[in-house]
Amino acid sequence: MSTGGIHTQQSGTLVDRALEFLGAGPADSISLARDVLGVPAATPLIADRLAAALLGSDPRVRRRVDSRWELVREVVGSPRLVDCAFAVVDVETTGTSPLRGDRVIEIAVAVLSGGAVGVVLDTLVNPERQIPRVVTGITRIAYDDVRDKPVFGEIADQVVDALAGRIFVAHNMRFDWSFVSNEIRRTLHLALDGPRLCTVRLARRLLPGLRSRNLDSVAQYFGVEIENRHRAAGDATATAWILSRLLDLAAERGIDTLRELEELTRRAKRKKRKKLRALPAPMEEA
């Protein structure tokens, strides 16, 4: 099972050398490029791309909040949650469906690792189309704010680097995943893949008494302050701290591995489907 975002073809010999190198302790991408891949003149950006391509989909390796790579201990074929690094993503968009042409106007990635939270990516994005007034009303982002910002293709590599070796997490994960994966496919012709978690689903299972699981309600429950609501960095950071609290609750239930946490959310989904099937069919009008 992968703990990374992008699955790539890997060279077994180079991977083995990288694992042996990381056995001595965490290392940054520059060191891996120089001492493992034999590319001593690689720039930081090129080194990050090379390291992500080599190790980003390897379940034995994770990327820390300080962007260094390290080995992950595994338990029963699945990494322990305390050893996982989570890339908590939030996007602001022109609408609700990338398949209908809506685009990202802001993206942020906050990494939760070892109990610490840090924002590793935060940028406005030019969607190459107008931003509806209703979106501007919610996000306070107008087209003039993004006119001179990079288009997604110019930051796509940074997004991949931020996700590589980490678990994709979002509040209402399907929404953010659909936009990010569609943009990566459109601009880089790569398919994002790997484990992902939804904090809404986790809240349903771990906070059964909470009537609403929207971001404001869950944040208020945990006492997490959301700075700059409906902006990517503020929402991603708050979601990362919410995830931290949810992981604590999962640990109290004896949930120790990523696989166990994923099974918890799958049980919630199956339970909802069973409940829907049990509802009586609507009566036809006379």
C-alpha atoms as a PDB file:
ATOM      1  CA  MET A   1       0.000   0.000   0.000  1.00  0.00           C
ATOM      2  CA  SER A   2       1.333   3.414  -0.901  1.00  0.00           C
ATOM      3  CA  THR A   3       1.516   6.383   1.409  1.00  0.00           C
ATOM      4  CA  GLY A   4       2.438   8.729  -1.424  1.00  0.00           C
ATOM      5  CA  GLY A   5       0.454  10.697  -3.952  1.00  0.00           C
ATOM      6  CA  ILE A   6       1.938   9.933  -7.380  1.00  0.00           C
ATOM      7  CA  HIS A   7       2.724   6.388  -8.485  1.00  0.00           C
ATOM      8  CA  THR A   8       5.747   6.250 -10.774  1.00  0.00           C
ATOM      9  CA  GLN A   9       7.979   3.622 -12.368  1.00  0.00           C
ATOM     10  CA  GLN A  10      10.945   3.025 -10.128  1.00  0.00           C
ATOM     11  CA  SER A  11      14.366   1.488 -10.504  1.00  0.00           C
ATOM     12  CA  GLY A  12      14.807  -1.225  -7.913  1.00  0.00           C
ATOM     13  CA  THR A  13      18.556  -0.692  -7.631  1.00  0.00           C
ATOM     14  CA  LEU A  14      18.217   3.044  -7.038  1.00  0.00           C
ATOM     15  CA  VAL A  15      15.381   2.530  -4.564  1.00  0.00           C
ATOM     16  CA  ASP A  16      17.464   0.025  -2.620  1.00  0.00           C
ATOM     17  CA  ARG A  17      20.357   2.475  -2.544  1.00  0.00           C
ATOM     18  CA  ALA A  18      18.026   5.235  -1.367  1.00  0.00           C
ATOM     19  CA  LEU A  19      16.600   3.054   1.415  1.00  0.00           C
ATOM     20  CA  GLU A  20      20.102   2.137   2.548  1.00  0.00           C
ATOM     21  CA  PHE A  21      21.079   5.811   2.490  1.00  0.00           C
ATOM     22  CA  LEU A  22      18.035   6.795   4.561  1.00  0.00           C
ATOM     23  CA  GLY A  23      18.875   4.059   7.042  1.00  0.00           C
ATOM     24  CA  ALA A  24      21.436   6.481   8.470  1.00  0.00           C
ATOM     25  CA  GLY A  25      18.720   9.048   9.126  1.00  0.00           C
ATOM     26  CA  PRO A  26      16.508  11.634   7.366  1.00  0.00           C
ATOM     27  CA  ALA A  27      17.932  13.327   4.289  1.00  0.00           C
ATOM     28  CA  ASP A  28      16.892  16.160   2.012  1.00  0.00           C
ATOM     29  CA  SER A  29      16.339  15.884  -1.728  1.00  0.00           C
ATOM     30  CA  ILE A  30      19.668  17.546  -2.550  1.00  0.00           C
ATOM     31  CA  SER A  31      21.547  14.851  -0.616  1.00  0.00           C
ATOM     32  CA  LEU A  32      19.574  12.075  -2.314  1.00  0.00           C
ATOM     33  CA  ALA A  33      20.214  13.558  -5.749  1.00  0.00           C
ATOM     34  CA  ARG A  34      23.938  13.921  -5.041  1.00  0.00           C
ATOM     35  CA  ASP A  35      24.735  10.732  -3.119  1.00  0.00           C
ATOM     36  CA  VAL A  36      22.152   8.259  -4.474  1.00  0.00           C
ATOM     37  CA  LEU A  37      21.249   9.426  -7.962  1.00  0.00           C
ATOM     38  CA  GLY A  38      24.656  10.827  -8.851  1.00  0.00           C
ATOM     39  CA  VAL A  39      23.403  14.266  -9.822  1.00  0.00           C
ATOM     40  CA  PRO A  40      25.614  16.611  -7.769  1.00  0.00           C
ATOM     41  CA  ALA A  41      24.639  19.781  -9.649  1.00  0.00           C
ATOM     42  CA  ALA A  42      20.855  19.382  -9.270  1.00  0.00           C
ATOM     43  CA  THR A  43      19.002  22.533  -8.226  1.00  0.00           C
ATOM     44  CA  PRO A  44      16.652  22.237  -5.221  1.00  0.00           C
ATOM     45  CA  LEU A  45      13.623  22.097  -7.575  1.00  0.00           C
ATOM     46  CA  ILE A  46      15.148  19.395  -9.790  1.00  0.00           C
ATOM     47  CA  ALA A  47      16.315  17.441  -6.728  1.00  0.00           C
ATOM     48  CA  ASP A  48      12.790  17.522  -5.286  1.00  0.00           C
ATOM     49  CA  ARG A  49      11.343  16.237  -8.569  1.00  0.00           C
ATOM     50  CA  LEU A  50      13.890  13.411  -8.767  1.00  0.00           C
ATOM     51  CA  ALA A  51      13.364  12.371  -5.147  1.00  0.00           C
ATOM     52  CA  ALA A  52       9.566  12.488  -5.510  1.00  0.00           C
ATOM     53  CA  ALA A  53       9.705  10.362  -8.680  1.00  0.00           C
ATOM     54  CA  LEU A  54      11.932   7.813  -6.965  1.00  0.00           C
ATOM     55  CA  LEU A  55      10.338   7.629  -3.512  1.00  0.00           C
ATOM     56  CA  GLY A  56       6.962   9.384  -3.637  1.00  0.00           C
ATOM     57  CA  SER A  57       4.923   6.196  -3.993  1.00  0.00           C
ATOM     58  CA  ASP A  58       7.069   3.942  -1.796  1.00  0.00           C
ATOM     59  CA  PRO A  59       5.227   2.934   1.408  1.00  0.00           C
ATOM     60  CA  ARG A  60       8.535   2.503   3.225  1.00  0.00           C
ATOM     61  CA  VAL A  61       9.354   6.195   2.955  1.00  0.00           C
ATOM     62  CA  ARG A  62       7.615   9.358   4.051  1.00  0.00           C
ATOM     63  CA  ARG A  63       8.292  13.062   3.662  1.00  0.00           C
ATOM     64  CA  ARG A  64       8.527  15.053   6.877  1.00  0.00           C
ATOM     65  CA  VAL A  65       7.108  18.485   7.555  1.00  0.00           C
ATOM     66  CA  ASP A  66      10.622  19.912   7.025  1.00  0.00           C
ATOM     67  CA  SER A  67      10.596  18.278   3.530  1.00  0.00           C
ATOM     68  CA  ARG A  68      13.310  15.747   4.378  1.00  0.00           C
ATOM     69  CA  TRP A  69      12.760  12.064   3.551  1.00  0.00           C
ATOM     70  CA  GLU A  70      12.920   9.282   6.126  1.00  0.00           C
ATOM     71  CA  LEU A  71      12.142   5.593   6.536  1.00  0.00           C
ATOM     72  CA  VAL A  72       8.763   4.526   7.918  1.00  0.00           C
ATOM     73  CA  ARG A  73       8.264   1.652  10.304  1.00  0.00           C
ATOM     74  CA  GLU A  74       5.416  -0.635   9.197  1.00  0.00           C
ATOM     75  CA  VAL A  75       3.085  -2.751  11.299  1.00  0.00           C
ATOM     76  CA  VAL A  76       1.149  -5.689   9.801  1.00  0.00           C
ATOM     77  CA  GLY A  77       1.705  -4.384   6.292  1.00  0.00           C
ATOM     78  CA  SER A  78       0.407  -0.894   7.056  1.00  0.00           C
ATOM     79  CA  PRO A  79       2.268   2.161   8.375  1.00  0.00           C
ATOM     80  CA  ARG A  80       1.512   3.265  11.909  1.00  0.00           C
ATOM     81  CA  LEU A  81      -0.395   6.530  12.121  1.00  0.00           C
ATOM     82  CA  VAL A  82       2.294   8.080  14.318  1.00  0.00           C
ATOM     83  CA  ASP A  83       4.740   7.476  11.461  1.00  0.00           C
ATOM     84  CA  CYS A  84       2.545   8.935   8.716  1.00  0.00           C
ATOM     85  CA  ALA A  85       2.805  12.401   7.229  1.00  0.00           C
ATOM     86  CA  PHE A  86      -0.458  13.975   6.066  1.00  0.00           C
ATOM     87  CA  ALA A  87      -0.829  16.549   3.283  1.00  0.00           C
ATOM     88  CA  VAL A  88      -3.967  18.470   4.228  1.00  0.00           C
ATOM     89  CA  VAL A  89      -5.312  20.227   1.140  1.00  0.00           C
ATOM     90  CA  ASP A  90      -7.796  23.010   0.574  1.00  0.00           C
ATOM     91  CA  VAL A  91      -8.731  24.595  -2.745  1.00  0.00           C
ATOM     92  CA  GLU A  92     -10.881  27.563  -3.648  1.00  0.00           C
ATOM     93  CA  THR A  93     -12.441  27.251  -7.097  1.00  0.00           C
ATOM     94  CA  THR A  94     -14.592  28.990  -9.700  1.00  0.00           C
ATOM     95  CA  GLY A  95     -17.388  26.474  -9.147  1.00  0.00           C
ATOM     96  CA  THR A  96     -18.219  22.957  -8.031  1.00  0.00           C
ATOM     97  CA  SER A  97     -17.195  20.703 -10.937  1.00  0.00           C
ATOM     98  CA  PRO A  98     -13.845  20.438 -12.741  1.00  0.00           C
ATOM     99  CA  LEU A  99     -15.584  18.282 -15.351  1.00  0.00           C
ATOM    100  CA  ARG A 100     -17.721  21.286 -16.293  1.00  0.00           C
ATOM    101  CA  GLY A 101     -14.671  23.482 -16.686  1.00  0.00           C
ATOM    102  CA  ASP A 102     -14.361  24.958 -13.191  1.00  0.00           C
ATOM    103  CA  ARG A 103     -10.794  25.707 -12.127  1.00  0.00           C
ATOM    104  CA  VAL A 104      -8.716  26.261  -9.007  1.00  0.00           C
ATOM    105  CA  ILE A 105      -8.172  29.880  -7.932  1.00  0.00           C
ATOM    106  CA  GLU A 106      -6.236  29.161  -4.733  1.00  0.00           C
ATOM    107  CA  ILE A 107      -4.555  26.097  -3.243  1.00  0.00           C
ATOM    108  CA  ALA A 108      -2.795  25.403   0.031  1.00  0.00           C
ATOM    109  CA  VAL A 109      -1.182  22.300   1.522  1.00  0.00           C
ATOM    110  CA  ALA A 110      -0.589  22.073   5.269  1.00  0.00           C
ATOM    111  CA  VAL A 111       1.499  19.113   6.446  1.00  0.00           C
ATOM    112  CA  LEU A 112       0.738  17.317   9.717  1.00  0.00           C
ATOM    113  CA  SER A 113       3.701  15.217  10.835  1.00  0.00           C
ATOM    114  CA  GLY A 114       4.853  14.260  14.308  1.00  0.00           C
ATOM    115  CA  GLY A 115       2.211  16.471  15.902  1.00  0.00           C
ATOM    116  CA  ALA A 116       3.445  19.596  14.109  1.00  0.00           C
ATOM    117  CA  VAL A 117       1.597  21.543  11.402  1.00  0.00           C
ATOM    118  CA  GLY A 118       3.268  23.623   8.720  1.00  0.00           C
ATOM    119  CA  VAL A 119       2.060  25.169   5.453  1.00  0.00           C
ATOM    120  CA  VAL A 120       4.299  23.997   2.598  1.00  0.00           C
ATOM    121  CA  LEU A 121       2.294  25.485  -0.289  1.00  0.00           C
ATOM    122  CA  ASP A 122      -0.006  28.506  -0.458  1.00  0.00           C
ATOM    123  CA  THR A 123      -0.695  30.333  -3.700  1.00  0.00           C
ATOM    124  CA  LEU A 124      -3.358  32.067  -5.721  1.00  0.00           C
ATOM    125  CA  VAL A 125      -3.890  30.611  -9.198  1.00  0.00           C
ATOM    126  CA  ASN A 126      -5.027  32.252 -12.425  1.00  0.00           C
ATOM    127  CA  PRO A 127      -7.957  30.082 -13.593  1.00  0.00           C
ATOM    128  CA  GLU A 128      -7.830  31.603 -17.081  1.00  0.00           C
ATOM    129  CA  ARG A 129     -11.516  32.468 -16.831  1.00  0.00           C
ATOM    130  CA  GLN A 130     -13.720  34.851 -14.901  1.00  0.00           C
ATOM    131  CA  ILE A 131     -14.556  34.250 -11.256  1.00  0.00           C
ATOM    132  CA  PRO A 132     -18.307  34.324 -10.532  1.00  0.00           C
ATOM    133  CA  ARG A 133     -19.493  37.061  -8.169  1.00  0.00           C
ATOM    134  CA  VAL A 134     -20.893  34.512  -5.736  1.00  0.00           C
ATOM    135  CA  VAL A 135     -17.422  32.953  -5.414  1.00  0.00           C
ATOM    136  CA  THR A 136     -15.828  36.363  -4.887  1.00  0.00           C
ATOM    137  CA  GLY A 137     -18.446  37.077  -2.223  1.00  0.00           C
ATOM    138  CA  ILE A 138     -17.446  33.957  -0.294  1.00  0.00           C
ATOM    139  CA  THR A 139     -13.663  33.905  -0.823  1.00  0.00           C
ATOM    140  CA  ARG A 140     -12.985  37.629  -1.347  1.00  0.00           C
ATOM    141  CA  ILE A 141     -10.929  36.605  -4.407  1.00  0.00           C
ATOM    142  CA  ALA A 142     -11.695  38.616  -7.549  1.00  0.00           C
ATOM    143  CA  TYR A 143     -10.205  38.117 -10.994  1.00  0.00           C
ATOM    144  CA  ASP A 144      -8.010  41.201 -10.523  1.00  0.00           C
ATOM    145  CA  ASP A 145      -6.391  39.375  -7.584  1.00  0.00           C
ATOM    146  CA  VAL A 146      -5.333  36.423  -9.754  1.00  0.00           C
ATOM    147  CA  ARG A 147      -4.787  38.102 -13.127  1.00  0.00           C
ATOM    148  CA  ASP A 148      -0.984  38.159 -12.706  1.00  0.00           C
ATOM    149  CA  LYS A 149      -0.711  34.922 -10.684  1.00  0.00           C
ATOM    150  CA  PRO A 150       0.626  31.651 -12.135  1.00  0.00           C
ATOM    151  CA  VAL A 151      -1.698  29.321 -14.018  1.00  0.00           C
ATOM    152  CA  PHE A 152      -1.965  25.838 -12.539  1.00  0.00           C
ATOM    153  CA  GLY A 153       0.504  24.350 -15.004  1.00  0.00           C
ATOM    154  CA  GLU A 154       3.197  26.640 -13.602  1.00  0.00           C
ATOM    155  CA  ILE A 155       2.727  25.352 -10.036  1.00  0.00           C
ATOM    156  CA  ALA A 156       1.750  21.735 -10.811  1.00  0.00           C
ATOM    157  CA  ASP A 157       5.224  20.408  -9.967  1.00  0.00           C
ATOM    158  CA  GLN A 158       5.122  22.202  -6.625  1.00  0.00           C
ATOM    159  CA  VAL A 159       1.757  20.597  -5.873  1.00  0.00           C
ATOM    160  CA  VAL A 160       3.094  17.126  -6.704  1.00  0.00           C
ATOM    161  CA  ASP A 161       6.154  17.741  -4.516  1.00  0.00           C
ATOM    162  CA  ALA A 162       3.949  18.837  -1.622  1.00  0.00           C
ATOM    163  CA  LEU A 163       1.822  15.664  -1.885  1.00  0.00           C
ATOM    164  CA  ALA A 164       4.575  13.126  -2.587  1.00  0.00           C
ATOM    165  CA  GLY A 165       5.170  10.651   0.232  1.00  0.00           C
ATOM    166  CA  ARG A 166       2.205  11.952   2.196  1.00  0.00           C
ATOM    167  CA  ILE A 167      -1.436  10.993   2.702  1.00  0.00           C
ATOM    168  CA  PHE A 168      -3.957  13.263   0.965  1.00  0.00           C
ATOM    169  CA  VAL A 169      -6.473  14.705   3.451  1.00  0.00           C
ATOM    170  CA  ALA A 170      -9.246  17.260   3.073  1.00  0.00           C
ATOM    171  CA  HIS A 171     -12.533  18.260   4.664  1.00  0.00           C
ATOM    172  CA  ASN A 172     -15.025  16.872   2.130  1.00  0.00           C
ATOM    173  CA  MET A 173     -12.105  15.166   0.446  1.00  0.00           C
ATOM    174  CA  ARG A 174     -13.902  14.250  -2.790  1.00  0.00           C
ATOM    175  CA  PHE A 175     -14.240  17.910  -3.746  1.00  0.00           C
ATOM    176  CA  ASP A 176     -10.581  18.861  -3.267  1.00  0.00           C
ATOM    177  CA  TRP A 177      -9.296  15.568  -4.703  1.00  0.00           C
ATOM    178  CA  SER A 178     -11.402  15.929  -7.846  1.00  0.00           C
ATOM    179  CA  PHE A 179      -9.995  19.382  -8.570  1.00  0.00           C
ATOM    180  CA  VAL A 180      -6.360  18.635  -7.735  1.00  0.00           C
ATOM    181  CA  SER A 181      -6.243  15.295  -9.562  1.00  0.00           C
ATOM    182  CA  ASN A 182      -7.993  16.793 -12.607  1.00  0.00           C
ATOM    183  CA  GLU A 183      -5.563  19.727 -12.751  1.00  0.00           C
ATOM    184  CA  ILE A 184      -2.525  17.425 -12.418  1.00  0.00           C
ATOM    185  CA  ARG A 185      -3.869  15.188 -15.184  1.00  0.00           C
ATOM    186  CA  ARG A 186      -4.628  18.185 -17.403  1.00  0.00           C
ATOM    187  CA  THR A 187      -1.287  19.939 -16.958  1.00  0.00           C
ATOM    188  CA  LEU A 188       1.262  17.177 -16.300  1.00  0.00           C
ATOM    189  CA  HIS A 189      -0.537  14.189 -17.864  1.00  0.00           C
ATOM    190  CA  LEU A 190      -0.004  12.280 -14.627  1.00  0.00           C
ATOM    191  CA  ALA A 191      -2.558  10.442 -12.514  1.00  0.00           C
ATOM    192  CA  LEU A 192      -2.608  11.091  -8.785  1.00  0.00           C
ATOM    193  CA  ASP A 193      -3.067   7.933  -6.770  1.00  0.00           C
ATOM    194  CA  GLY A 194      -2.606   6.805  -3.207  1.00  0.00           C
ATOM    195  CA  PRO A 195      -4.371   6.755   0.154  1.00  0.00           C
ATOM    196  CA  ARG A 196      -6.612   9.639   1.112  1.00  0.00           C
ATOM    197  CA  LEU A 197      -8.727  10.518   4.118  1.00  0.00           C
ATOM    198  CA  CYS A 198     -11.780  12.700   4.600  1.00  0.00           C
ATOM    199  CA  THR A 199     -12.092  14.540   7.922  1.00  0.00           C
ATOM    200  CA  VAL A 200     -15.871  14.769   7.414  1.00  0.00           C
ATOM    201  CA  ARG A 201     -16.117  10.972   7.347  1.00  0.00           C
ATOM    202  CA  LEU A 202     -13.756  10.644  10.287  1.00  0.00           C
ATOM    203  CA  ALA A 203     -15.872  13.110  12.254  1.00  0.00           C
ATOM    204  CA  ARG A 204     -19.007  11.070  11.511  1.00  0.00           C
ATOM    205  CA  ARG A 205     -17.420   8.010  13.093  1.00  0.00           C
ATOM    206  CA  LEU A 206     -15.474   9.636  15.900  1.00  0.00           C
ATOM    207  CA  LEU A 207     -17.937  12.400  16.851  1.00  0.00           C
ATOM    208  CA  PRO A 208     -21.328  10.658  16.522  1.00  0.00           C
ATOM    209  CA  GLY A 209     -23.059  13.178  18.797  1.00  0.00           C
ATOM    210  CA  LEU A 210     -22.108  16.197  16.697  1.00  0.00           C
ATOM    211  CA  ARG A 211     -25.109  17.266  14.614  1.00  0.00           C
ATOM    212  CA  SER A 212     -23.137  19.105  11.910  1.00  0.00           C
ATOM    213  CA  ARG A 213     -19.735  18.078  10.587  1.00  0.00           C
ATOM    214  CA  ASN A 214     -19.032  21.175   8.504  1.00  0.00           C
ATOM    215  CA  LEU A 215     -15.640  22.785   9.067  1.00  0.00           C
ATOM    216  CA  ASP A 216     -16.939  25.528  11.355  1.00  0.00           C
ATOM    217  CA  SER A 217     -18.821  23.089  13.598  1.00  0.00           C
ATOM    218  CA  VAL A 218     -15.961  20.609  13.967  1.00  0.00           C
ATOM    219  CA  ALA A 219     -13.454  23.412  14.536  1.00  0.00           C
ATOM    220  CA  GLN A 220     -15.666  24.912  17.231  1.00  0.00           C
ATOM    221  CA  TYR A 221     -16.031  21.486  18.888  1.00  0.00           C
ATOM    222  CA  PHE A 222     -12.241  21.100  19.149  1.00  0.00           C
ATOM    223  CA  GLY A 223     -11.578  24.756  19.940  1.00  0.00           C
ATOM    224  CA  VAL A 224      -9.623  25.235  16.711  1.00  0.00           C
ATOM    225  CA  GLU A 225      -9.562  28.813  15.438  1.00  0.00           C
ATOM    226  CA  ILE A 226      -9.913  29.268  11.686  1.00  0.00           C
ATOM    227  CA  GLU A 227      -7.898  32.250  10.533  1.00  0.00           C
ATOM    228  CA  ASN A 228      -9.082  33.761   7.252  1.00  0.00           C
ATOM    229  CA  ARG A 229     -12.089  31.469   6.698  1.00  0.00           C
ATOM    230  CA  HIS A 230     -12.841  30.399   3.110  1.00  0.00           C
ATOM    231  CA  ARG A 231      -9.228  30.965   2.104  1.00  0.00           C
ATOM    232  CA  ALA A 232      -7.060  27.975   1.303  1.00  0.00           C
ATOM    233  CA  ALA A 233      -4.259  28.371   3.848  1.00  0.00           C
ATOM    234  CA  GLY A 234      -6.590  29.192   6.739  1.00  0.00           C
ATOM    235  CA  ASP A 235      -8.939  26.312   6.032  1.00  0.00           C
ATOM    236  CA  ALA A 236      -6.122  23.815   5.352  1.00  0.00           C
ATOM    237  CA  THR A 237      -4.334  24.723   8.583  1.00  0.00           C
ATOM    238  CA  ALA A 238      -7.513  24.419  10.636  1.00  0.00           C
ATOM    239  CA  THR A 239      -8.300  21.080   9.004  1.00  0.00           C
ATOM    240  CA  ALA A 240      -4.800  19.827   9.841  1.00  0.00           C
ATOM    241  CA  TRP A 241      -5.315  20.622  13.529  1.00  0.00           C
ATOM    242  CA  ILE A 242      -8.771  19.008  13.398  1.00  0.00           C
ATOM    243  CA  LEU A 243      -7.153  15.912  11.878  1.00  0.00           C
ATOM    244  CA  SER A 244      -4.673  15.868  14.744  1.00  0.00           C
ATOM    245  CA  ARG A 245      -7.538  15.827  17.274  1.00  0.00           C
ATOM    246  CA  LEU A 246      -9.386  13.138  15.320  1.00  0.00           C
ATOM    247  CA  LEU A 247      -6.260  10.980  15.254  1.00  0.00           C
ATOM    248  CA  ASP A 248      -6.052  11.314  19.040  1.00  0.00           C
ATOM    249  CA  LEU A 249      -9.643  10.057  19.312  1.00  0.00           C
ATOM    250  CA  ALA A 250      -8.853   7.188  16.948  1.00  0.00           C
ATOM    251  CA  ALA A 251      -5.862   6.243  19.088  1.00  0.00           C
ATOM    252  CA  GLU A 252      -8.134   6.120  22.147  1.00  0.00           C
ATOM    253  CA  ARG A 253     -10.155   3.488  20.271  1.00  0.00           C
ATOM    254  CA  GLY A 254      -7.039   1.438  19.701  1.00  0.00           C
ATOM    255  CA  ILE A 255      -6.670   2.398  16.046  1.00  0.00           C
ATOM    256  CA  ASP A 256      -2.948   2.272  15.357  1.00  0.00           C
ATOM    257  CA  THR A 257      -2.404   1.906  11.600  1.00  0.00           C
ATOM    258  CA  LEU A 258      -3.480   3.667   8.439  1.00  0.00           C
ATOM    259  CA  ARG A 259      -5.303   0.574   7.281  1.00  0.00           C
ATOM    260  CA  GLU A 260      -7.384   0.493  10.471  1.00  0.00           C
ATOM    261  CA  LEU A 261      -8.284   4.159  10.061  1.00  0.00           C
ATOM    262  CA  GLU A 262      -9.277   3.635   6.429  1.00  0.00           C
ATOM    263  CA  GLU A 263     -11.454   0.693   7.472  1.00  0.00           C
ATOM    264  CA  LEU A 264     -13.179   2.939  10.023  1.00  0.00           C
ATOM    265  CA  THR A 265     -14.241   5.381   7.303  1.00  0.00           C
ATOM    266  CA  ARG A 266     -15.295   2.545   4.981  1.00  0.00           C
ATOM    267  CA  ARG A 267     -17.536   1.131   7.714  1.00  0.00           C
ATOM    268  CA  ALA A 268     -19.177   4.541   8.021  1.00  0.00           C
ATOM    269  CA  LYS A 269     -19.860   4.578   4.276  1.00  0.00           C
ATOM    270  CA  ARG A 270     -21.307   1.051   4.266  1.00  0.00           C
ATOM    271  CA  LYS A 271     -23.500   1.884   7.267  1.00  0.00           C
ATOM    272  CA  LYS A 272     -24.937   4.927   5.463  1.00  0.00           C
ATOM    273  CA  ARG A 273     -25.727   2.868   2.357  1.00  0.00           C
ATOM    274  CA  LYS A 274     -27.450   0.207   4.463  1.00  0.00           C
ATOM    275  CA  LYS A 275     -29.572   2.876   6.147  1.00  0.00           C
ATOM    276  CA  LEU A 276     -30.595   4.350   2.787  1.00  0.00           C
ATOM    277  CA  ARG A 277     -31.639   0.922   1.487  1.00  0.00           C
ATOM    278  CA  ALA A 278     -33.781   0.413   4.613  1.00  0.00           C
ATOM    279  CA  LEU A 279     -35.809   3.584   4.002  1.00  0.00           C
ATOM    280  CA  PRO A 280     -39.324   2.972   2.560  1.00  0.00           C
ATOM    281  CA  ALA A 281     -39.817   3.857  -1.087  1.00  0.00           C
ATOM    282  CA  PRO A 282     -41.725   7.106  -1.670  1.00  0.00           C
ATOM    283  CA  MET A 283     -45.439   6.642  -2.355  1.00  0.00           C
ATOM    284  CA  GLU A 284     -46.631   7.415  -5.843  1.00  0.00           C
ATOM    285  CA  GLU A 285     -49.073  10.226  -6.231  1.00  0.00           C
ATOM    286  CA  ALA A 286     -52.678   9.202  -6.956  1.00  0.00           C
END
